N, C-alpha and C. Protein backbone atom coordinates (compact mmCIF):
# COMPACT_ATOMS: atom_id res chain seq x y z
N MET A 1 0.85 -1.20 0.00
CA MET A 1 0.00 0.00 0.00
C MET A 1 0.89 1.25 0.00
N ALA A 2 0.60 2.18 -0.87
CA ALA A 2 1.34 3.43 -0.90
C ALA A 2 0.73 4.42 0.09
N VAL A 3 1.56 4.96 0.97
CA VAL A 3 1.10 5.88 2.01
C VAL A 3 1.97 7.13 1.98
N PRO A 4 1.39 8.32 2.07
CA PRO A 4 2.20 9.55 2.09
C PRO A 4 3.16 9.55 3.28
N SER A 5 4.35 10.05 3.07
CA SER A 5 5.36 10.03 4.14
C SER A 5 4.92 10.84 5.35
N HIS A 6 4.07 11.85 5.14
CA HIS A 6 3.63 12.66 6.29
C HIS A 6 2.62 11.93 7.17
N SER A 7 2.24 10.71 6.77
CA SER A 7 1.34 9.91 7.59
C SER A 7 2.07 8.78 8.30
N LEU A 8 3.37 8.71 8.17
CA LEU A 8 4.15 7.60 8.72
C LEU A 8 5.16 8.07 9.74
N ALA A 9 5.49 7.18 10.67
CA ALA A 9 6.53 7.45 11.66
C ALA A 9 7.32 6.17 11.90
N SER A 10 8.58 6.32 12.21
CA SER A 10 9.41 5.15 12.53
C SER A 10 8.98 4.57 13.87
N LEU A 11 8.98 3.25 13.96
CA LEU A 11 8.57 2.57 15.18
C LEU A 11 9.81 2.24 16.01
N PRO A 12 9.94 2.83 17.20
CA PRO A 12 11.09 2.50 18.04
C PRO A 12 11.11 1.02 18.41
N ASP A 13 12.30 0.49 18.63
CA ASP A 13 12.44 -0.93 18.95
C ASP A 13 11.65 -1.32 20.20
N ALA A 14 11.49 -0.37 21.13
CA ALA A 14 10.83 -0.68 22.39
C ALA A 14 9.31 -0.64 22.30
N VAL A 15 8.76 -0.30 21.15
CA VAL A 15 7.31 -0.19 20.98
C VAL A 15 6.84 -1.33 20.09
N THR A 16 5.84 -2.07 20.55
CA THR A 16 5.33 -3.21 19.79
C THR A 16 4.33 -2.73 18.73
N PHE A 17 4.07 -3.60 17.75
CA PHE A 17 3.07 -3.27 16.74
C PHE A 17 1.69 -3.15 17.37
N VAL A 18 1.41 -3.94 18.39
CA VAL A 18 0.12 -3.86 19.07
C VAL A 18 -0.05 -2.50 19.74
N GLN A 19 0.99 -2.04 20.42
CA GLN A 19 0.93 -0.71 21.04
C GLN A 19 0.77 0.37 19.97
N ALA A 20 1.53 0.25 18.90
CA ALA A 20 1.48 1.26 17.84
C ALA A 20 0.11 1.34 17.20
N ALA A 21 -0.61 0.22 17.15
CA ALA A 21 -1.93 0.19 16.51
C ALA A 21 -2.94 1.07 17.24
N THR A 22 -2.68 1.41 18.49
CA THR A 22 -3.62 2.23 19.25
C THR A 22 -3.45 3.73 18.99
N LEU A 23 -2.38 4.12 18.30
CA LEU A 23 -2.01 5.53 18.23
C LEU A 23 -2.66 6.36 17.12
N PRO A 24 -2.87 5.84 15.91
CA PRO A 24 -3.26 6.73 14.82
C PRO A 24 -4.55 7.51 15.02
N VAL A 25 -5.55 6.97 15.69
CA VAL A 25 -6.78 7.73 15.92
C VAL A 25 -6.87 8.19 17.38
N ALA A 26 -6.89 7.24 18.30
CA ALA A 26 -7.09 7.60 19.72
C ALA A 26 -5.95 8.45 20.25
N GLY A 27 -4.72 8.03 19.98
CA GLY A 27 -3.57 8.77 20.49
C GLY A 27 -3.47 10.16 19.91
N LEU A 28 -3.58 10.27 18.59
CA LEU A 28 -3.49 11.58 17.95
C LEU A 28 -4.64 12.50 18.35
N THR A 29 -5.84 11.95 18.48
CA THR A 29 -6.98 12.76 18.91
C THR A 29 -6.73 13.37 20.28
N ALA A 30 -6.29 12.56 21.23
CA ALA A 30 -6.00 13.06 22.57
C ALA A 30 -4.89 14.11 22.54
N LEU A 31 -3.83 13.83 21.80
CA LEU A 31 -2.69 14.74 21.75
C LEU A 31 -3.08 16.11 21.20
N TYR A 32 -3.80 16.11 20.08
CA TYR A 32 -4.12 17.38 19.43
C TYR A 32 -5.28 18.10 20.12
N ALA A 33 -6.18 17.37 20.76
CA ALA A 33 -7.25 18.02 21.51
C ALA A 33 -6.68 18.78 22.71
N LEU A 34 -5.73 18.18 23.40
CA LEU A 34 -5.12 18.84 24.55
C LEU A 34 -4.35 20.09 24.15
N ALA A 35 -3.87 20.13 22.93
CA ALA A 35 -3.08 21.27 22.46
C ALA A 35 -3.93 22.53 22.27
N LYS A 36 -5.24 22.41 22.29
CA LYS A 36 -6.11 23.56 22.02
C LYS A 36 -6.09 24.60 23.13
N ARG A 37 -5.52 24.29 24.27
CA ARG A 37 -5.42 25.29 25.36
C ARG A 37 -3.96 25.68 25.61
N GLY A 38 -3.06 25.22 24.74
CA GLY A 38 -1.67 25.60 24.90
C GLY A 38 -1.02 24.93 26.09
N ASP A 39 -0.13 25.65 26.74
CA ASP A 39 0.60 25.12 27.90
C ASP A 39 -0.38 24.72 29.00
N LEU A 40 -0.29 23.47 29.45
CA LEU A 40 -1.23 22.97 30.46
C LEU A 40 -0.64 22.92 31.86
N LEU A 41 0.58 23.34 32.04
CA LEU A 41 1.22 23.28 33.35
C LEU A 41 0.40 24.05 34.38
N GLY A 42 -0.08 23.34 35.40
CA GLY A 42 -0.83 23.96 36.47
C GLY A 42 -2.28 24.27 36.15
N ARG A 43 -2.73 23.94 34.94
CA ARG A 43 -4.11 24.22 34.57
C ARG A 43 -5.02 23.04 34.94
N ARG A 44 -6.30 23.35 35.09
CA ARG A 44 -7.29 22.31 35.42
C ARG A 44 -7.92 21.80 34.14
N VAL A 45 -7.84 20.49 33.97
CA VAL A 45 -8.31 19.85 32.74
C VAL A 45 -9.32 18.77 33.10
N LEU A 46 -10.48 18.81 32.45
CA LEU A 46 -11.51 17.78 32.63
C LEU A 46 -11.54 16.90 31.39
N ILE A 47 -11.49 15.58 31.60
CA ILE A 47 -11.60 14.61 30.51
C ILE A 47 -12.87 13.80 30.72
N THR A 48 -13.85 13.92 29.83
CA THR A 48 -15.04 13.08 29.93
C THR A 48 -14.80 11.79 29.14
N GLY A 49 -15.59 10.77 29.45
CA GLY A 49 -15.37 9.49 28.79
C GLY A 49 -13.96 8.99 29.02
N ALA A 50 -13.48 9.13 30.25
CA ALA A 50 -12.06 8.94 30.54
C ALA A 50 -11.59 7.49 30.44
N THR A 51 -12.51 6.54 30.40
CA THR A 51 -12.09 5.14 30.29
C THR A 51 -12.01 4.68 28.84
N GLY A 52 -12.42 5.51 27.90
CA GLY A 52 -12.35 5.15 26.49
C GLY A 52 -10.93 5.27 25.95
N GLY A 53 -10.76 4.92 24.69
CA GLY A 53 -9.43 4.97 24.09
C GLY A 53 -8.85 6.37 24.09
N VAL A 54 -9.60 7.35 23.61
CA VAL A 54 -9.14 8.74 23.61
C VAL A 54 -9.00 9.25 25.03
N GLY A 55 -9.99 8.97 25.87
CA GLY A 55 -9.97 9.46 27.24
C GLY A 55 -8.78 8.98 28.03
N ASP A 56 -8.44 7.70 27.88
CA ASP A 56 -7.31 7.15 28.61
C ASP A 56 -6.01 7.82 28.20
N PHE A 57 -5.80 8.01 26.90
CA PHE A 57 -4.61 8.73 26.44
C PHE A 57 -4.62 10.17 26.94
N ALA A 58 -5.78 10.82 26.89
CA ALA A 58 -5.87 12.22 27.30
C ALA A 58 -5.53 12.41 28.77
N VAL A 59 -6.01 11.50 29.62
CA VAL A 59 -5.68 11.58 31.05
C VAL A 59 -4.17 11.48 31.24
N GLN A 60 -3.55 10.50 30.60
CA GLN A 60 -2.11 10.31 30.76
C GLN A 60 -1.31 11.50 30.23
N LEU A 61 -1.68 11.98 29.03
CA LEU A 61 -0.94 13.08 28.42
C LEU A 61 -1.13 14.39 29.18
N ALA A 62 -2.33 14.63 29.68
CA ALA A 62 -2.56 15.84 30.48
C ALA A 62 -1.75 15.80 31.77
N GLN A 63 -1.68 14.63 32.39
CA GLN A 63 -0.88 14.48 33.60
C GLN A 63 0.60 14.71 33.30
N LEU A 64 1.08 14.19 32.17
CA LEU A 64 2.47 14.40 31.77
C LEU A 64 2.76 15.87 31.51
N SER A 65 1.73 16.62 31.09
CA SER A 65 1.90 18.04 30.79
C SER A 65 1.87 18.92 32.03
N GLY A 66 1.64 18.31 33.19
CA GLY A 66 1.62 19.07 34.43
C GLY A 66 0.28 19.65 34.81
N ALA A 67 -0.78 19.16 34.16
CA ALA A 67 -2.12 19.66 34.46
C ALA A 67 -2.68 18.99 35.72
N HIS A 68 -3.66 19.65 36.32
CA HIS A 68 -4.47 19.03 37.38
C HIS A 68 -5.63 18.35 36.67
N VAL A 69 -5.66 17.03 36.68
CA VAL A 69 -6.55 16.27 35.81
C VAL A 69 -7.77 15.76 36.58
N VAL A 70 -8.94 16.09 36.07
CA VAL A 70 -10.21 15.56 36.58
C VAL A 70 -10.79 14.65 35.51
N ALA A 71 -11.09 13.42 35.88
CA ALA A 71 -11.64 12.45 34.93
C ALA A 71 -13.11 12.22 35.23
N SER A 72 -13.91 12.16 34.17
CA SER A 72 -15.34 11.88 34.30
C SER A 72 -15.61 10.46 33.83
N VAL A 73 -16.25 9.66 34.70
CA VAL A 73 -16.60 8.28 34.37
C VAL A 73 -18.07 8.05 34.67
N ARG A 74 -18.60 6.95 34.16
CA ARG A 74 -20.02 6.67 34.34
C ARG A 74 -20.33 5.93 35.63
N ARG A 75 -19.38 5.06 36.07
CA ARG A 75 -19.67 4.17 37.19
C ARG A 75 -18.56 4.24 38.24
N ALA A 76 -18.93 3.92 39.48
CA ALA A 76 -17.97 3.96 40.59
C ALA A 76 -16.86 2.94 40.42
N ASP A 77 -17.14 1.81 39.77
CA ASP A 77 -16.12 0.79 39.61
C ASP A 77 -15.04 1.17 38.60
N GLN A 78 -15.20 2.33 37.93
CA GLN A 78 -14.20 2.79 36.98
C GLN A 78 -13.22 3.79 37.58
N VAL A 79 -13.44 4.16 38.82
CA VAL A 79 -12.64 5.21 39.44
C VAL A 79 -11.17 4.81 39.53
N LEU A 80 -10.90 3.61 40.01
CA LEU A 80 -9.51 3.19 40.23
C LEU A 80 -8.70 3.22 38.95
N GLU A 81 -9.27 2.77 37.85
CA GLU A 81 -8.49 2.69 36.61
C GLU A 81 -8.10 4.06 36.09
N VAL A 82 -8.95 5.08 36.25
CA VAL A 82 -8.56 6.41 35.78
C VAL A 82 -7.60 7.08 36.77
N GLN A 83 -7.70 6.74 38.04
CA GLN A 83 -6.70 7.22 39.00
C GLN A 83 -5.33 6.64 38.67
N GLN A 84 -5.29 5.39 38.29
CA GLN A 84 -4.03 4.75 37.92
C GLN A 84 -3.45 5.39 36.65
N ALA A 85 -4.32 5.88 35.78
CA ALA A 85 -3.86 6.53 34.55
C ALA A 85 -3.31 7.92 34.81
N GLY A 86 -3.64 8.50 35.97
CA GLY A 86 -3.09 9.81 36.31
C GLY A 86 -4.09 10.86 36.73
N ALA A 87 -5.37 10.50 36.88
CA ALA A 87 -6.37 11.47 37.30
C ALA A 87 -6.17 11.88 38.76
N ASP A 88 -6.24 13.17 39.02
CA ASP A 88 -6.14 13.67 40.40
C ASP A 88 -7.47 13.54 41.13
N GLU A 89 -8.56 13.72 40.39
CA GLU A 89 -9.90 13.60 40.96
C GLU A 89 -10.81 12.97 39.92
N VAL A 90 -11.91 12.40 40.39
CA VAL A 90 -12.81 11.68 39.50
C VAL A 90 -14.25 12.12 39.75
N VAL A 91 -14.96 12.43 38.68
CA VAL A 91 -16.38 12.74 38.73
C VAL A 91 -17.15 11.52 38.22
N ILE A 92 -18.16 11.09 38.96
CA ILE A 92 -18.99 9.97 38.53
C ILE A 92 -20.32 10.53 38.04
N GLY A 93 -20.63 10.28 36.77
CA GLY A 93 -21.84 10.83 36.17
C GLY A 93 -21.53 12.11 35.42
N ASP A 94 -22.57 12.73 34.85
CA ASP A 94 -22.35 13.91 34.02
C ASP A 94 -23.27 15.07 34.41
N ASP A 95 -23.60 15.15 35.70
CA ASP A 95 -24.42 16.24 36.20
C ASP A 95 -23.56 17.47 36.43
N ILE A 96 -24.10 18.65 36.12
CA ILE A 96 -23.30 19.87 36.21
C ILE A 96 -22.82 20.16 37.63
N ALA A 97 -23.61 19.77 38.61
CA ALA A 97 -23.18 19.98 40.00
C ALA A 97 -21.92 19.19 40.32
N ASP A 98 -21.83 17.98 39.78
CA ASP A 98 -20.63 17.17 39.99
C ASP A 98 -19.44 17.74 39.23
N PHE A 99 -19.68 18.23 38.01
CA PHE A 99 -18.60 18.81 37.22
C PHE A 99 -18.04 20.06 37.90
N THR A 100 -18.92 20.94 38.35
CA THR A 100 -18.47 22.21 38.91
C THR A 100 -17.77 22.03 40.26
N ALA A 101 -17.99 20.91 40.92
CA ALA A 101 -17.36 20.69 42.23
C ALA A 101 -15.85 20.72 42.14
N TYR A 102 -15.28 20.33 41.00
CA TYR A 102 -13.84 20.30 40.84
C TYR A 102 -13.33 21.36 39.87
N GLY A 103 -14.22 22.19 39.34
CA GLY A 103 -13.84 23.22 38.39
C GLY A 103 -13.54 24.54 39.08
N PRO A 104 -13.50 25.63 38.32
CA PRO A 104 -13.72 25.68 36.87
C PRO A 104 -12.51 25.16 36.09
N TYR A 105 -12.73 24.81 34.83
CA TYR A 105 -11.72 24.15 34.03
C TYR A 105 -11.17 25.07 32.94
N ASP A 106 -9.87 25.01 32.78
CA ASP A 106 -9.23 25.74 31.69
C ASP A 106 -9.44 25.02 30.36
N LEU A 107 -9.56 23.70 30.43
CA LEU A 107 -9.77 22.90 29.22
C LEU A 107 -10.65 21.70 29.55
N VAL A 108 -11.60 21.43 28.68
CA VAL A 108 -12.41 20.21 28.77
C VAL A 108 -12.26 19.46 27.46
N VAL A 109 -11.88 18.19 27.53
CA VAL A 109 -11.89 17.30 26.36
C VAL A 109 -13.15 16.46 26.49
N GLU A 110 -14.15 16.76 25.63
CA GLU A 110 -15.51 16.25 25.83
C GLU A 110 -15.90 15.31 24.69
N SER A 111 -16.23 14.07 25.03
CA SER A 111 -16.51 13.07 24.01
C SER A 111 -17.91 12.45 24.12
N LEU A 112 -18.73 12.93 25.04
CA LEU A 112 -20.02 12.31 25.28
C LEU A 112 -21.19 13.02 24.62
N GLY A 113 -21.15 14.34 24.56
CA GLY A 113 -22.29 15.10 24.08
C GLY A 113 -23.41 15.14 25.12
N GLY A 114 -24.60 15.54 24.70
CA GLY A 114 -25.75 15.54 25.60
C GLY A 114 -25.55 16.38 26.84
N THR A 115 -25.99 15.84 27.99
CA THR A 115 -25.89 16.59 29.24
C THR A 115 -24.45 16.80 29.68
N ALA A 116 -23.54 15.90 29.29
CA ALA A 116 -22.13 16.07 29.65
C ALA A 116 -21.56 17.32 28.99
N LEU A 117 -21.89 17.54 27.73
CA LEU A 117 -21.42 18.75 27.04
C LEU A 117 -22.00 20.00 27.69
N ALA A 118 -23.29 19.95 28.04
CA ALA A 118 -23.91 21.10 28.70
C ALA A 118 -23.23 21.40 30.03
N SER A 119 -22.95 20.37 30.80
CA SER A 119 -22.28 20.55 32.09
C SER A 119 -20.88 21.10 31.91
N ALA A 120 -20.18 20.61 30.89
CA ALA A 120 -18.82 21.08 30.62
C ALA A 120 -18.80 22.56 30.26
N LEU A 121 -19.74 22.98 29.41
CA LEU A 121 -19.79 24.39 29.00
C LEU A 121 -20.11 25.30 30.17
N GLY A 122 -20.84 24.79 31.14
CA GLY A 122 -21.16 25.59 32.33
C GLY A 122 -20.09 25.54 33.40
N SER A 123 -19.01 24.81 33.14
CA SER A 123 -17.96 24.62 34.15
C SER A 123 -16.62 25.23 33.73
N LEU A 124 -16.62 25.99 32.64
CA LEU A 124 -15.37 26.55 32.14
C LEU A 124 -14.92 27.77 32.95
N ALA A 125 -13.62 27.92 33.06
CA ALA A 125 -13.03 29.12 33.64
C ALA A 125 -12.93 30.21 32.57
N LYS A 126 -12.62 31.43 32.97
CA LYS A 126 -12.38 32.50 32.00
C LYS A 126 -11.27 32.05 31.05
N ASP A 127 -11.47 32.27 29.76
CA ASP A 127 -10.55 31.84 28.71
C ASP A 127 -10.57 30.32 28.50
N GLY A 128 -11.50 29.64 29.15
CA GLY A 128 -11.56 28.19 29.04
C GLY A 128 -12.03 27.71 27.67
N VAL A 129 -11.56 26.53 27.30
CA VAL A 129 -11.89 25.93 26.01
C VAL A 129 -12.50 24.55 26.23
N CYS A 130 -13.63 24.30 25.60
CA CYS A 130 -14.22 22.96 25.58
C CYS A 130 -14.05 22.40 24.18
N VAL A 131 -13.31 21.30 24.08
CA VAL A 131 -13.08 20.65 22.80
C VAL A 131 -14.09 19.51 22.68
N SER A 132 -15.02 19.64 21.75
CA SER A 132 -16.05 18.63 21.53
C SER A 132 -15.62 17.71 20.40
N LEU A 133 -15.49 16.39 20.71
CA LEU A 133 -14.99 15.47 19.70
C LEU A 133 -15.77 14.17 19.62
N GLY A 134 -16.92 14.10 20.30
CA GLY A 134 -17.69 12.87 20.24
C GLY A 134 -19.09 13.06 20.77
N ILE A 135 -19.96 12.09 20.46
CA ILE A 135 -21.36 12.12 20.90
C ILE A 135 -21.78 10.72 21.32
N SER A 136 -20.95 10.06 22.11
CA SER A 136 -21.26 8.68 22.48
C SER A 136 -22.48 8.56 23.38
N ALA A 137 -22.88 9.66 24.04
CA ALA A 137 -24.08 9.63 24.89
C ALA A 137 -25.30 10.19 24.16
N ALA A 138 -25.14 11.32 23.47
CA ALA A 138 -26.26 11.94 22.76
C ALA A 138 -25.72 12.96 21.78
N ASP A 139 -26.44 13.15 20.65
CA ASP A 139 -25.95 14.08 19.64
C ASP A 139 -26.62 15.45 19.70
N GLU A 140 -27.44 15.69 20.72
CA GLU A 140 -28.02 17.01 20.93
C GLU A 140 -27.79 17.43 22.38
N SER A 141 -27.64 18.74 22.58
CA SER A 141 -27.35 19.26 23.92
C SER A 141 -28.01 20.61 24.11
N THR A 142 -28.54 20.84 25.30
CA THR A 142 -29.10 22.14 25.67
C THR A 142 -28.31 22.68 26.85
N PHE A 143 -27.78 23.91 26.71
CA PHE A 143 -26.93 24.43 27.78
C PHE A 143 -27.31 25.87 28.13
N ASP A 144 -26.80 26.33 29.26
CA ASP A 144 -27.09 27.68 29.76
C ASP A 144 -26.20 28.67 29.01
N VAL A 145 -26.74 29.33 28.01
CA VAL A 145 -25.96 30.23 27.18
C VAL A 145 -25.44 31.41 27.99
N ARG A 146 -26.26 31.93 28.91
CA ARG A 146 -25.84 33.08 29.71
C ARG A 146 -24.59 32.74 30.53
N LYS A 147 -24.59 31.58 31.17
CA LYS A 147 -23.43 31.16 31.96
C LYS A 147 -22.21 31.02 31.08
N PHE A 148 -22.40 30.51 29.87
CA PHE A 148 -21.28 30.29 28.96
C PHE A 148 -20.61 31.59 28.57
N PHE A 149 -21.40 32.59 28.13
CA PHE A 149 -20.72 33.80 27.63
C PHE A 149 -20.37 34.80 28.72
N THR A 150 -21.09 34.80 29.85
CA THR A 150 -20.75 35.75 30.91
C THR A 150 -19.51 35.33 31.70
N THR A 151 -19.07 34.10 31.56
CA THR A 151 -17.82 33.69 32.20
C THR A 151 -16.65 34.47 31.61
N GLY A 152 -16.70 34.73 30.32
CA GLY A 152 -15.68 35.56 29.69
C GLY A 152 -14.71 34.79 28.81
N ARG A 153 -14.76 35.05 27.52
CA ARG A 153 -13.82 34.52 26.53
C ARG A 153 -13.77 32.99 26.50
N THR A 154 -14.88 32.35 26.81
CA THR A 154 -14.94 30.90 26.71
C THR A 154 -15.14 30.48 25.26
N SER A 155 -14.69 29.25 24.94
CA SER A 155 -14.77 28.78 23.56
C SER A 155 -15.24 27.34 23.50
N LEU A 156 -16.04 27.04 22.47
CA LEU A 156 -16.42 25.66 22.15
C LEU A 156 -15.76 25.34 20.82
N TYR A 157 -14.92 24.30 20.81
CA TYR A 157 -14.14 23.95 19.63
C TYR A 157 -14.60 22.61 19.08
N GLY A 158 -15.04 22.60 17.83
CA GLY A 158 -15.43 21.36 17.18
C GLY A 158 -14.22 20.67 16.58
N PHE A 159 -13.96 19.43 17.00
CA PHE A 159 -12.71 18.75 16.67
C PHE A 159 -12.96 17.56 15.75
N ILE A 160 -12.32 17.58 14.58
CA ILE A 160 -12.29 16.43 13.66
C ILE A 160 -10.81 16.15 13.39
N LEU A 161 -10.36 14.95 13.70
CA LEU A 161 -8.93 14.65 13.62
C LEU A 161 -8.35 14.94 12.25
N PHE A 162 -9.04 14.55 11.18
CA PHE A 162 -8.44 14.67 9.85
C PHE A 162 -8.28 16.12 9.42
N ASP A 163 -9.06 17.03 9.98
CA ASP A 163 -8.83 18.46 9.75
C ASP A 163 -7.61 18.95 10.52
N GLU A 164 -7.41 18.40 11.73
CA GLU A 164 -6.28 18.82 12.56
C GLU A 164 -4.94 18.45 11.91
N LEU A 165 -4.94 17.41 11.10
CA LEU A 165 -3.68 16.95 10.50
C LEU A 165 -3.15 17.93 9.46
N HIS A 166 -3.94 18.94 9.08
CA HIS A 166 -3.43 19.99 8.21
C HIS A 166 -2.54 20.97 8.99
N THR A 167 -2.68 20.97 10.32
CA THR A 167 -1.88 21.85 11.16
C THR A 167 -0.58 21.18 11.58
N GLU A 168 -0.67 19.94 12.03
CA GLU A 168 0.52 19.14 12.33
C GLU A 168 0.31 17.75 11.75
N SER A 169 1.29 17.25 11.06
CA SER A 169 1.14 15.98 10.37
C SER A 169 1.00 14.82 11.34
N ALA A 170 0.41 13.74 10.83
CA ALA A 170 0.33 12.52 11.63
C ALA A 170 1.72 12.02 11.97
N ALA A 171 2.66 12.18 11.05
CA ALA A 171 4.03 11.72 11.30
C ALA A 171 4.62 12.37 12.55
N ALA A 172 4.41 13.68 12.70
CA ALA A 172 4.96 14.39 13.85
C ALA A 172 4.31 13.90 15.15
N GLY A 173 2.99 13.79 15.14
CA GLY A 173 2.30 13.35 16.35
C GLY A 173 2.61 11.91 16.71
N LEU A 174 2.64 11.04 15.71
CA LEU A 174 2.95 9.63 15.98
C LEU A 174 4.36 9.46 16.51
N THR A 175 5.29 10.24 16.01
CA THR A 175 6.67 10.18 16.51
C THR A 175 6.73 10.57 17.98
N ARG A 176 6.01 11.60 18.35
CA ARG A 176 5.99 12.05 19.75
C ARG A 176 5.37 10.99 20.65
N LEU A 177 4.24 10.44 20.22
CA LEU A 177 3.55 9.43 21.04
C LEU A 177 4.37 8.16 21.18
N ALA A 178 4.93 7.69 20.07
CA ALA A 178 5.74 6.47 20.12
C ALA A 178 6.96 6.66 21.01
N GLY A 179 7.53 7.86 20.98
CA GLY A 179 8.67 8.15 21.85
C GLY A 179 8.30 8.09 23.32
N LEU A 180 7.11 8.55 23.66
CA LEU A 180 6.65 8.50 25.05
C LEU A 180 6.43 7.06 25.50
N ILE A 181 5.91 6.23 24.61
CA ILE A 181 5.73 4.81 24.94
C ILE A 181 7.09 4.14 25.12
N ALA A 182 8.02 4.45 24.23
CA ALA A 182 9.34 3.83 24.28
C ALA A 182 10.07 4.15 25.59
N THR A 183 9.84 5.32 26.15
CA THR A 183 10.51 5.71 27.39
C THR A 183 9.69 5.38 28.64
N GLY A 184 8.55 4.70 28.45
CA GLY A 184 7.74 4.28 29.59
C GLY A 184 6.88 5.37 30.20
N LYS A 185 6.73 6.50 29.51
CA LYS A 185 5.94 7.60 30.05
C LYS A 185 4.47 7.53 29.66
N LEU A 186 4.16 6.74 28.63
CA LEU A 186 2.79 6.60 28.13
C LEU A 186 2.52 5.12 27.93
N THR A 187 1.36 4.67 28.41
CA THR A 187 1.03 3.24 28.33
C THR A 187 -0.34 3.06 27.69
N PRO A 188 -0.41 2.54 26.46
CA PRO A 188 -1.72 2.26 25.87
C PRO A 188 -2.45 1.19 26.68
N ARG A 189 -3.72 1.45 26.97
CA ARG A 189 -4.53 0.45 27.68
C ARG A 189 -5.21 -0.44 26.64
N ILE A 190 -4.73 -1.66 26.51
CA ILE A 190 -5.26 -2.60 25.53
C ILE A 190 -5.99 -3.70 26.29
N SER A 191 -7.31 -3.67 26.20
CA SER A 191 -8.13 -4.62 26.95
C SER A 191 -8.45 -5.88 26.18
N VAL A 192 -8.48 -5.77 24.85
CA VAL A 192 -8.88 -6.91 24.02
C VAL A 192 -7.93 -7.04 22.84
N GLU A 193 -7.44 -8.25 22.61
CA GLU A 193 -6.73 -8.60 21.38
C GLU A 193 -7.46 -9.79 20.77
N ALA A 194 -7.75 -9.71 19.48
CA ALA A 194 -8.53 -10.77 18.84
C ALA A 194 -8.20 -10.81 17.36
N PRO A 195 -8.49 -11.94 16.69
CA PRO A 195 -8.35 -12.01 15.23
C PRO A 195 -9.33 -11.05 14.56
N TRP A 196 -8.95 -10.56 13.39
CA TRP A 196 -9.83 -9.61 12.70
C TRP A 196 -11.17 -10.22 12.32
N THR A 197 -11.23 -11.54 12.26
CA THR A 197 -12.50 -12.21 11.93
C THR A 197 -13.55 -12.04 13.02
N GLN A 198 -13.12 -11.62 14.22
CA GLN A 198 -14.06 -11.40 15.32
C GLN A 198 -14.47 -9.93 15.44
N ILE A 199 -14.30 -9.19 14.38
CA ILE A 199 -14.54 -7.75 14.43
C ILE A 199 -15.96 -7.41 14.87
N ALA A 200 -16.95 -8.17 14.43
CA ALA A 200 -18.34 -7.86 14.79
C ALA A 200 -18.56 -7.98 16.29
N ASP A 201 -18.03 -9.05 16.88
CA ASP A 201 -18.18 -9.26 18.31
C ASP A 201 -17.45 -8.19 19.11
N VAL A 202 -16.23 -7.88 18.69
CA VAL A 202 -15.43 -6.87 19.41
C VAL A 202 -16.07 -5.49 19.27
N ALA A 203 -16.56 -5.17 18.08
CA ALA A 203 -17.22 -3.88 17.88
C ALA A 203 -18.46 -3.76 18.75
N GLY A 204 -19.19 -4.85 18.90
CA GLY A 204 -20.36 -4.84 19.77
C GLY A 204 -19.99 -4.58 21.22
N GLN A 205 -18.91 -5.22 21.67
CA GLN A 205 -18.43 -4.99 23.03
C GLN A 205 -18.00 -3.54 23.22
N LEU A 206 -17.35 -3.00 22.19
CA LEU A 206 -16.89 -1.61 22.27
C LEU A 206 -18.06 -0.65 22.37
N LEU A 207 -19.08 -0.86 21.53
CA LEU A 207 -20.25 0.02 21.55
C LEU A 207 -21.02 -0.09 22.86
N ASN A 208 -20.98 -1.27 23.47
CA ASN A 208 -21.67 -1.47 24.75
C ASN A 208 -20.81 -1.10 25.95
N ARG A 209 -19.60 -0.64 25.66
CA ARG A 209 -18.66 -0.19 26.69
C ARG A 209 -18.40 -1.27 27.75
N THR A 210 -18.16 -2.48 27.26
CA THR A 210 -17.91 -3.59 28.19
C THR A 210 -16.46 -3.68 28.62
N PHE A 211 -15.58 -2.89 27.99
CA PHE A 211 -14.18 -2.87 28.41
C PHE A 211 -13.62 -1.47 28.24
N PRO A 212 -12.61 -1.11 29.04
CA PRO A 212 -11.98 0.20 28.91
C PRO A 212 -10.88 0.18 27.86
N GLY A 213 -10.44 1.36 27.44
CA GLY A 213 -9.28 1.46 26.57
C GLY A 213 -9.56 0.97 25.15
N LYS A 214 -8.57 0.27 24.61
CA LYS A 214 -8.58 -0.09 23.20
C LYS A 214 -8.71 -1.58 22.95
N ALA A 215 -9.21 -1.91 21.76
CA ALA A 215 -9.18 -3.28 21.23
C ALA A 215 -8.26 -3.28 20.02
N VAL A 216 -7.46 -4.32 19.90
CA VAL A 216 -6.56 -4.46 18.76
C VAL A 216 -6.88 -5.77 18.04
N LEU A 217 -7.11 -5.67 16.74
CA LEU A 217 -7.41 -6.85 15.95
C LEU A 217 -6.18 -7.25 15.13
N HIS A 218 -5.88 -8.54 15.11
CA HIS A 218 -4.74 -9.06 14.37
C HIS A 218 -5.19 -9.58 13.01
N VAL A 219 -4.51 -9.18 11.96
CA VAL A 219 -4.82 -9.63 10.60
C VAL A 219 -3.92 -10.81 10.25
N ASP A 220 -4.54 -11.91 9.91
CA ASP A 220 -3.83 -13.12 9.52
C ASP A 220 -3.96 -13.29 8.01
N ASN A 221 -2.84 -13.14 7.32
CA ASN A 221 -2.87 -13.22 5.86
C ASN A 221 -3.13 -14.63 5.35
N ASN A 222 -3.08 -15.61 6.27
CA ASN A 222 -3.34 -16.97 5.83
C ASN A 222 -4.85 -17.23 5.70
């Protein structure tokens, strides 16, 4: 297969192909979404959907950047895993009262939509940015517009990975992420490995959120 060089990165010896398979979408999405608020040192960052593939990378990368990381999860039994990934505090559920308890936030990486997006927009600090990149909970949201604009210079950013690659190439981002894995600073959470022939079953598990992190499918040319 012919691939443009700006979409490729060298794989360090310390990084496996399985680990590398998690990076092109989830890893790059987390990396470039976090960049929308610039320097994160000492800033408060909220990650919704924190047990998902993007969320898990975002928690780790925000922690590496020196941010105070708040992770949002759906269930109490998910708290420990996001704490292990680097979350300083954990919100269970997507109610605005729970979100604001640990805010206001300089940056929100929001992947759920619906009430979670509304709560995030109402929890921003002055100059805060909410990066919306998913609708796994709902594709419509109603929020308090007055609260959003009276906070001052708040922003809602619509994120599509393939548009972001016009700003920084996939090659650059993949090189950075692979380097972090190689030095032990970033750990892809791989919950499922299976043959590609089981894609329907694995996709169903993913949609039902039966496991955290990523699934990797192996292609057997035989």
